Amino acid sequence: MLLTVSGPPGSGKSTTAELLADTFDLDHVSGGDIFRDLADERGYTPLEFNKLAEENDEIDRDLDQRLYEIALEEDDLVIESRLAGWLAGGQADFRFWLDAPVRVRGERIADREEKDPARATEETQAREASEAQRYEEYYGIDIRDLTIYDLSINTARWEPDAVLDMLVTAVGEYEPAGDEGQTRIDLDAEF
């Protein structure tokens, strides 16, 4: 089974993906972890690395290519990234989008990174705008287009276990209908 978890920074992607992986005994691959590791290896904060990615498209393309290949090659996996649903397309058994108001997401990030919530919210908005511009430029997608997802949840309304329960129920009730309407980025054509 291949599940994707996508959403903006601070929406609960990592927490939810880890819980899903544990529940269904699947491996978990995090695009955010890979991006943060790449930034740290080069001595940048994620925001600084994101700015660098605006001028060097190889950063995004390398990360996206890795995730794309994993989605095509691996089974029994939860892939978590902003573009996971787009990258996996018809390969995914289920594609989830998680979101929350920017203030809530900023507070979550502030707690995680031990910074001022107002600063975290401002940085998150800048990061989102930068990423949205790059996704449109590189792949011609509008990250705000949620029509590709099977389920979208506002994670500000529920605790992580309640969000997990909804997703587990959705997966349990899911009956594959084939690839009709399964939009996917074709990175093979991009590289």
C-alpha atoms as a PDB file:
ATOM      1  CA  MET A   1       0.000   0.000   0.000  1.00  0.00           C
ATOM      2  CA  LEU A   2       1.255   3.495  -0.877  1.00  0.00           C
ATOM      3  CA  LEU A   3      -0.181   6.442   1.059  1.00  0.00           C
ATOM      4  CA  THR A   4       0.810  10.075   0.568  1.00  0.00           C
ATOM      5  CA  VAL A   5       0.487  12.865   3.108  1.00  0.00           C
ATOM      6  CA  SER A   6       0.822  16.421   1.807  1.00  0.00           C
ATOM      7  CA  GLY A   7       0.166  19.887   3.157  1.00  0.00           C
ATOM      8  CA  PRO A   8       1.848  23.169   4.063  1.00  0.00           C
ATOM      9  CA  PRO A   9       4.498  23.546   6.799  1.00  0.00           C
ATOM     10  CA  GLY A  10       3.132  22.943  10.293  1.00  0.00           C
ATOM     11  CA  SER A  11      -0.018  21.163   9.142  1.00  0.00           C
ATOM     12  CA  GLY A  12       0.817  17.927  10.961  1.00  0.00           C
ATOM     13  CA  LYS A  13       2.212  15.977   8.018  1.00  0.00           C
ATOM     14  CA  SER A  14       5.100  14.382   9.913  1.00  0.00           C
ATOM     15  CA  THR A  15       3.077  13.435  12.972  1.00  0.00           C
ATOM     16  CA  THR A  16       0.261  11.995  10.884  1.00  0.00           C
ATOM     17  CA  ALA A  17       2.548  10.168   8.457  1.00  0.00           C
ATOM     18  CA  GLU A  18       4.433   8.546  11.337  1.00  0.00           C
ATOM     19  CA  LEU A  19       1.167   7.465  12.963  1.00  0.00           C
ATOM     20  CA  LEU A  20      -0.145   6.080   9.652  1.00  0.00           C
ATOM     21  CA  ALA A  21       3.089   4.187   9.039  1.00  0.00           C
ATOM     22  CA  ASP A  22       2.947   2.658  12.518  1.00  0.00           C
ATOM     23  CA  THR A  23      -0.743   1.778  12.218  1.00  0.00           C
ATOM     24  CA  PHE A  24      -0.402   0.026   8.858  1.00  0.00           C
ATOM     25  CA  ASP A  25       3.152  -1.272   9.468  1.00  0.00           C
ATOM     26  CA  LEU A  26       4.540   0.738   6.547  1.00  0.00           C
ATOM     27  CA  ASP A  27       7.861   2.494   6.021  1.00  0.00           C
ATOM     28  CA  HIS A  28       7.839   6.300   6.250  1.00  0.00           C
ATOM     29  CA  VAL A  29       9.760   8.650   3.950  1.00  0.00           C
ATOM     30  CA  SER A  30       9.719  12.371   4.758  1.00  0.00           C
ATOM     31  CA  GLY A  31      10.549  14.938   2.092  1.00  0.00           C
ATOM     32  CA  GLY A  32      10.839  17.549   4.838  1.00  0.00           C
ATOM     33  CA  ASP A  33      13.450  15.493   6.675  1.00  0.00           C
ATOM     34  CA  ILE A  34      15.428  15.064   3.467  1.00  0.00           C
ATOM     35  CA  PHE A  35      15.207  18.814   2.740  1.00  0.00           C
ATOM     36  CA  ARG A  36      16.252  19.764   6.301  1.00  0.00           C
ATOM     37  CA  ASP A  37      19.145  17.281   6.172  1.00  0.00           C
ATOM     38  CA  LEU A  38      20.318  18.746   2.858  1.00  0.00           C
ATOM     39  CA  ALA A  39      20.116  22.263   4.334  1.00  0.00           C
ATOM     40  CA  ASP A  40      21.993  21.239   7.487  1.00  0.00           C
ATOM     41  CA  GLU A  41      24.694  19.443   5.478  1.00  0.00           C
ATOM     42  CA  ARG A  42      25.334  22.696   3.627  1.00  0.00           C
ATOM     43  CA  GLY A  43      25.153  24.902   6.742  1.00  0.00           C
ATOM     44  CA  TYR A  44      21.810  26.579   5.996  1.00  0.00           C
ATOM     45  CA  THR A  45      18.564  26.969   7.907  1.00  0.00           C
ATOM     46  CA  PRO A  46      15.548  25.549   6.038  1.00  0.00           C
ATOM     47  CA  LEU A  47      14.422  29.116   5.207  1.00  0.00           C
ATOM     48  CA  GLU A  48      17.886  30.049   3.889  1.00  0.00           C
ATOM     49  CA  PHE A  49      18.039  26.818   1.892  1.00  0.00           C
ATOM     50  CA  ASN A  50      14.561  27.523   0.530  1.00  0.00           C
ATOM     51  CA  LYS A  51      15.769  30.945  -0.651  1.00  0.00           C
ATOM     52  CA  LEU A  52      18.805  29.303  -2.256  1.00  0.00           C
ATOM     53  CA  ALA A  53      16.452  26.876  -4.001  1.00  0.00           C
ATOM     54  CA  GLU A  54      14.744  29.868  -5.627  1.00  0.00           C
ATOM     55  CA  GLU A  55      17.972  30.504  -7.532  1.00  0.00           C
ATOM     56  CA  ASN A  56      19.146  26.903  -7.926  1.00  0.00           C
ATOM     57  CA  ASP A  57      16.408  24.639  -9.260  1.00  0.00           C
ATOM     58  CA  GLU A  58      18.588  21.545  -8.786  1.00  0.00           C
ATOM     59  CA  ILE A  59      17.781  21.572  -5.047  1.00  0.00           C
ATOM     60  CA  ASP A  60      14.047  21.049  -5.574  1.00  0.00           C
ATOM     61  CA  ARG A  61      14.479  18.845  -8.603  1.00  0.00           C
ATOM     62  CA  ASP A  62      16.905  16.508  -6.796  1.00  0.00           C
ATOM     63  CA  LEU A  63      14.562  16.154  -3.825  1.00  0.00           C
ATOM     64  CA  ASP A  64      11.500  15.669  -6.039  1.00  0.00           C
ATOM     65  CA  GLN A  65      13.306  13.112  -8.211  1.00  0.00           C
ATOM     66  CA  ARG A  66      14.249  11.082  -5.130  1.00  0.00           C
ATOM     67  CA  LEU A  67      10.680  11.057  -3.865  1.00  0.00           C
ATOM     68  CA  TYR A  68       9.295  10.302  -7.334  1.00  0.00           C
ATOM     69  CA  GLU A  69      11.571   7.270  -7.721  1.00  0.00           C
ATOM     70  CA  ILE A  70      10.663   6.027  -4.259  1.00  0.00           C
ATOM     71  CA  ALA A  71       6.935   6.309  -5.121  1.00  0.00           C
ATOM     72  CA  LEU A  72       7.462   4.298  -8.310  1.00  0.00           C
ATOM     73  CA  GLU A  73       9.733   1.639  -6.833  1.00  0.00           C
ATOM     74  CA  GLU A  74       8.678   1.036  -3.227  1.00  0.00           C
ATOM     75  CA  ASP A  75       5.690  -0.747  -1.749  1.00  0.00           C
ATOM     76  CA  ASP A  76       4.215  -0.529   1.721  1.00  0.00           C
ATOM     77  CA  LEU A  77       5.117   3.079   2.253  1.00  0.00           C
ATOM     78  CA  VAL A  78       3.878   6.427   3.526  1.00  0.00           C
ATOM     79  CA  ILE A  79       5.459   9.321   1.630  1.00  0.00           C
ATOM     80  CA  GLU A  80       5.173  12.729   3.202  1.00  0.00           C
ATOM     81  CA  SER A  81       6.010  15.949   1.386  1.00  0.00           C
ATOM     82  CA  ARG A  82       4.341  19.010  -0.031  1.00  0.00           C
ATOM     83  CA  LEU A  83       4.272  17.353  -3.480  1.00  0.00           C
ATOM     84  CA  ALA A  84       3.866  13.707  -2.434  1.00  0.00           C
ATOM     85  CA  GLY A  85       0.350  13.474  -3.866  1.00  0.00           C
ATOM     86  CA  TRP A  86       1.478  14.952  -7.168  1.00  0.00           C
ATOM     87  CA  LEU A  87       4.617  12.829  -7.332  1.00  0.00           C
ATOM     88  CA  ALA A  88       2.870   9.531  -6.615  1.00  0.00           C
ATOM     89  CA  GLY A  89      -0.236  10.150  -8.721  1.00  0.00           C
ATOM     90  CA  GLY A  90      -1.948   6.914  -9.716  1.00  0.00           C
ATOM     91  CA  GLN A  91       0.675   4.868  -7.867  1.00  0.00           C
ATOM     92  CA  ALA A  92      -0.833   6.004  -4.557  1.00  0.00           C
ATOM     93  CA  ASP A  93      -3.640   4.026  -3.006  1.00  0.00           C
ATOM     94  CA  PHE A  94      -4.702   7.124  -1.106  1.00  0.00           C
ATOM     95  CA  ARG A  95      -3.621  10.777  -1.148  1.00  0.00           C
ATOM     96  CA  PHE A  96      -4.232  12.969   1.898  1.00  0.00           C
ATOM     97  CA  TRP A  97      -3.964  16.764   2.227  1.00  0.00           C
ATOM     98  CA  LEU A  98      -3.604  18.231   5.713  1.00  0.00           C
ATOM     99  CA  ASP A  99      -3.936  21.919   6.511  1.00  0.00           C
ATOM    100  CA  ALA A 100      -4.584  24.359   9.336  1.00  0.00           C
ATOM    101  CA  PRO A 101      -4.825  28.148   9.598  1.00  0.00           C
ATOM    102  CA  VAL A 102      -1.428  29.824   9.199  1.00  0.00           C
ATOM    103  CA  ARG A 103      -1.510  31.144  12.778  1.00  0.00           C
ATOM    104  CA  VAL A 104      -1.919  27.599  14.132  1.00  0.00           C
ATOM    105  CA  ARG A 105       0.797  26.258  11.862  1.00  0.00           C
ATOM    106  CA  GLY A 106       3.122  29.113  12.874  1.00  0.00           C
ATOM    107  CA  GLU A 107       2.584  28.294  16.544  1.00  0.00           C
ATOM    108  CA  ARG A 108       3.333  24.611  15.933  1.00  0.00           C
ATOM    109  CA  ILE A 109       6.532  25.466  14.089  1.00  0.00           C
ATOM    110  CA  ALA A 110       7.514  27.942  16.814  1.00  0.00           C
ATOM    111  CA  ASP A 111       7.108  25.202  19.433  1.00  0.00           C
ATOM    112  CA  ARG A 112       9.096  22.710  17.363  1.00  0.00           C
ATOM    113  CA  GLU A 113      11.903  25.133  16.483  1.00  0.00           C
ATOM    114  CA  GLU A 114      11.836  27.138  19.736  1.00  0.00           C
ATOM    115  CA  LYS A 115      11.242  30.528  18.125  1.00  0.00           C
ATOM    116  CA  ASP A 116       8.810  33.406  18.352  1.00  0.00           C
ATOM    117  CA  PRO A 117       5.367  32.434  16.940  1.00  0.00           C
ATOM    118  CA  ALA A 118       5.019  35.681  14.967  1.00  0.00           C
ATOM    119  CA  ARG A 119       8.428  35.138  13.378  1.00  0.00           C
ATOM    120  CA  ALA A 120       7.631  31.482  12.637  1.00  0.00           C
ATOM    121  CA  THR A 121       4.335  32.482  11.002  1.00  0.00           C
ATOM    122  CA  GLU A 122       6.034  35.133   8.872  1.00  0.00           C
ATOM    123  CA  GLU A 123       8.775  32.713   7.784  1.00  0.00           C
ATOM    124  CA  THR A 124       6.180  30.042   7.012  1.00  0.00           C
ATOM    125  CA  GLN A 125       4.209  32.401   4.773  1.00  0.00           C
ATOM    126  CA  ALA A 126       7.397  33.423   2.934  1.00  0.00           C
ATOM    127  CA  ARG A 127       8.410  29.792   2.501  1.00  0.00           C
ATOM    128  CA  GLU A 128       4.984  28.811   1.179  1.00  0.00           C
ATOM    129  CA  ALA A 129       4.946  31.643  -1.350  1.00  0.00           C
ATOM    130  CA  SER A 130       8.431  30.735  -2.534  1.00  0.00           C
ATOM    131  CA  GLU A 131       7.571  27.056  -2.908  1.00  0.00           C
ATOM    132  CA  ALA A 132       4.264  27.731  -4.676  1.00  0.00           C
ATOM    133  CA  GLN A 133       6.062  29.894  -7.218  1.00  0.00           C
ATOM    134  CA  ARG A 134       8.685  27.229  -7.859  1.00  0.00           C
ATOM    135  CA  TYR A 135       6.141  24.389  -8.204  1.00  0.00           C
ATOM    136  CA  GLU A 136       4.262  26.433 -10.795  1.00  0.00           C
ATOM    137  CA  GLU A 137       7.472  27.308 -12.631  1.00  0.00           C
ATOM    138  CA  TYR A 138       9.021  23.813 -12.587  1.00  0.00           C
ATOM    139  CA  TYR A 139       5.993  21.578 -13.031  1.00  0.00           C
ATOM    140  CA  GLY A 140       3.081  23.820 -13.967  1.00  0.00           C
ATOM    141  CA  ILE A 141       1.078  22.902 -10.873  1.00  0.00           C
ATOM    142  CA  ASP A 142      -0.892  25.040  -8.472  1.00  0.00           C
ATOM    143  CA  ILE A 143      -0.160  23.625  -5.010  1.00  0.00           C
ATOM    144  CA  ARG A 144      -3.493  25.047  -3.843  1.00  0.00           C
ATOM    145  CA  ASP A 145      -5.344  22.723  -6.256  1.00  0.00           C
ATOM    146  CA  LEU A 146      -6.688  20.082  -3.892  1.00  0.00           C
ATOM    147  CA  THR A 147      -8.739  18.201  -6.488  1.00  0.00           C
ATOM    148  CA  ILE A 148      -6.086  15.481  -6.739  1.00  0.00           C
ATOM    149  CA  TYR A 149      -6.514  14.461  -3.096  1.00  0.00           C
ATOM    150  CA  ASP A 150      -8.842  11.789  -1.807  1.00  0.00           C
ATOM    151  CA  LEU A 151      -9.310  13.537   1.532  1.00  0.00           C
ATOM    152  CA  SER A 152      -8.453  16.973   2.960  1.00  0.00           C
ATOM    153  CA  ILE A 153      -8.541  17.688   6.704  1.00  0.00           C
ATOM    154  CA  ASN A 154      -8.147  20.844   8.790  1.00  0.00           C
ATOM    155  CA  THR A 155      -5.859  19.497  11.524  1.00  0.00           C
ATOM    156  CA  ALA A 156      -6.492  22.494  13.802  1.00  0.00           C
ATOM    157  CA  ARG A 157      -9.880  21.026  14.647  1.00  0.00           C
ATOM    158  CA  TRP A 158      -8.713  17.629  15.977  1.00  0.00           C
ATOM    159  CA  GLU A 159      -5.910  16.076  17.978  1.00  0.00           C
ATOM    160  CA  PRO A 160      -3.459  13.842  16.058  1.00  0.00           C
ATOM    161  CA  ASP A 161      -5.144  10.600  17.188  1.00  0.00           C
ATOM    162  CA  ALA A 162      -8.525  11.816  15.925  1.00  0.00           C
ATOM    163  CA  VAL A 163      -6.992  12.789  12.565  1.00  0.00           C
ATOM    164  CA  LEU A 164      -5.400   9.343  12.410  1.00  0.00           C
ATOM    165  CA  ASP A 165      -8.745   7.676  13.141  1.00  0.00           C
ATOM    166  CA  MET A 166     -10.349   9.553  10.222  1.00  0.00           C
ATOM    167  CA  LEU A 167      -7.581   8.542   7.834  1.00  0.00           C
ATOM    168  CA  VAL A 168      -7.580   4.921   8.968  1.00  0.00           C
ATOM    169  CA  THR A 169     -11.357   4.794   8.473  1.00  0.00           C
ATOM    170  CA  ALA A 170     -10.993   6.322   5.007  1.00  0.00           C
ATOM    171  CA  VAL A 171      -8.326   3.789   4.008  1.00  0.00           C
ATOM    172  CA  GLY A 172     -10.462   0.948   5.369  1.00  0.00           C
ATOM    173  CA  GLU A 173     -13.451   2.079   3.316  1.00  0.00           C
ATOM    174  CA  TYR A 174     -11.447   2.806   0.163  1.00  0.00           C
ATOM    175  CA  GLU A 175     -12.108   0.818  -2.985  1.00  0.00           C
ATOM    176  CA  PRO A 176      -9.618   1.478  -5.794  1.00  0.00           C
ATOM    177  CA  ALA A 177     -11.303   2.766  -8.942  1.00  0.00           C
ATOM    178  CA  GLY A 178      -8.268   2.637 -11.252  1.00  0.00           C
ATOM    179  CA  ASP A 179      -6.177   5.513 -12.543  1.00  0.00           C
ATOM    180  CA  GLU A 180      -9.033   7.668 -13.815  1.00  0.00           C
ATOM    181  CA  GLY A 181      -8.459  11.228 -12.664  1.00  0.00           C
ATOM    182  CA  GLN A 182      -5.151  10.374 -10.996  1.00  0.00           C
ATOM    183  CA  THR A 183      -2.991  13.405 -11.739  1.00  0.00           C
ATOM    184  CA  ARG A 184       0.746  12.936 -11.361  1.00  0.00           C
ATOM    185  CA  ILE A 185       3.839  14.953 -12.226  1.00  0.00           C
ATOM    186  CA  ASP A 186       5.861  13.140 -14.867  1.00  0.00           C
ATOM    187  CA  LEU A 187       9.370  13.870 -13.642  1.00  0.00           C
ATOM    188  CA  ASP A 188      10.801  11.524 -16.265  1.00  0.00           C
ATOM    189  CA  ALA A 189       9.809  14.146 -18.817  1.00  0.00           C
ATOM    190  CA  GLU A 190      11.362  16.908 -16.674  1.00  0.00           C
ATOM    191  CA  PHE A 191      14.830  15.404 -16.358  1.00  0.00           C
END
